[in-house]
Amino acid sequence: MIKTYISHFLIAHMKNSYIIYFFVILTMIIISTLYMIEIPSPSTIITEKYSLKLK
């Protein structure tokens, strides 16, 4: 009885640790891909002149 309880606990613990490892690896992959993507900075400066006609 005790042996089966311990084995069930270890299986549940292993599944929980695999889930944690999966999310850690997934977040590392997402962070590294976001770091590798080159986002260009805006290169043109847009200036506009507004004329207000007040009554």
Protein backbone atom coordinates (compact mmCIF):
# COMPACT_ATOMS: atom_id res chain seq x y z
CA MET A 1 0.00 0.00 0.00
CA ILE A 2 2.75 2.46 0.90
CA LYS A 3 4.77 1.54 -2.17
CA THR A 4 1.89 2.30 -4.56
CA TYR A 5 1.25 5.63 -2.82
CA ILE A 6 4.88 6.64 -3.22
CA SER A 7 4.93 5.61 -6.88
CA HIS A 8 1.77 7.63 -7.59
CA PHE A 9 3.30 10.62 -5.85
CA LEU A 10 6.46 10.36 -7.93
CA ILE A 11 4.49 10.05 -11.16
CA ALA A 12 2.43 13.14 -10.29
CA HIS A 13 5.60 15.00 -9.31
CA MET A 14 7.34 14.04 -12.55
CA LYS A 15 4.39 15.22 -14.61
CA ASN A 16 4.36 18.49 -12.72
CA SER A 17 8.08 19.01 -13.26
CA TYR A 18 7.74 18.23 -16.98
CA ILE A 19 5.05 20.89 -17.24
CA ILE A 20 7.30 23.41 -15.51
CA TYR A 21 10.24 22.49 -17.76
CA PHE A 22 8.03 22.83 -20.82
CA PHE A 23 6.92 26.35 -19.87
CA VAL A 24 10.45 27.42 -18.99
CA ILE A 25 11.79 26.20 -22.33
CA LEU A 26 8.84 27.76 -24.16
CA THR A 27 9.44 31.16 -22.55
CA MET A 28 13.15 30.97 -23.34
CA ILE A 29 12.36 30.23 -26.99
CA ILE A 30 9.88 33.10 -27.17
CA ILE A 31 12.31 35.55 -25.56
CA SER A 32 15.16 34.49 -27.84
CA THR A 33 13.04 34.80 -30.99
CA LEU A 34 11.82 38.24 -29.94
CA TYR A 35 15.42 39.23 -29.35
CA MET A 36 16.48 38.00 -32.80
CA ILE A 37 13.73 39.84 -34.69
CA GLU A 38 15.00 43.15 -36.00
CA ILE A 39 12.43 45.87 -35.66
CA PRO A 40 13.41 48.86 -37.76
CA SER A 41 13.31 52.24 -36.16
CA PRO A 42 11.27 54.92 -37.88
CA SER A 43 13.58 56.65 -40.32
CA THR A 44 11.44 59.51 -41.63
CA ILE A 45 10.35 62.50 -39.64
CA ILE A 46 6.93 63.73 -40.63
CA THR A 47 6.26 67.40 -40.09
CA GLU A 48 2.94 68.98 -40.90
CA LYS A 49 1.83 72.58 -40.69
CA TYR A 50 -1.64 73.29 -39.46
CA SER A 51 -3.39 76.57 -39.91
CA LEU A 52 -6.23 77.21 -37.54
CA LYS A 53 -9.02 79.49 -38.64
CA LEU A 54 -10.67 80.78 -35.53
CA LYS A 55 -13.99 82.63 -35.70
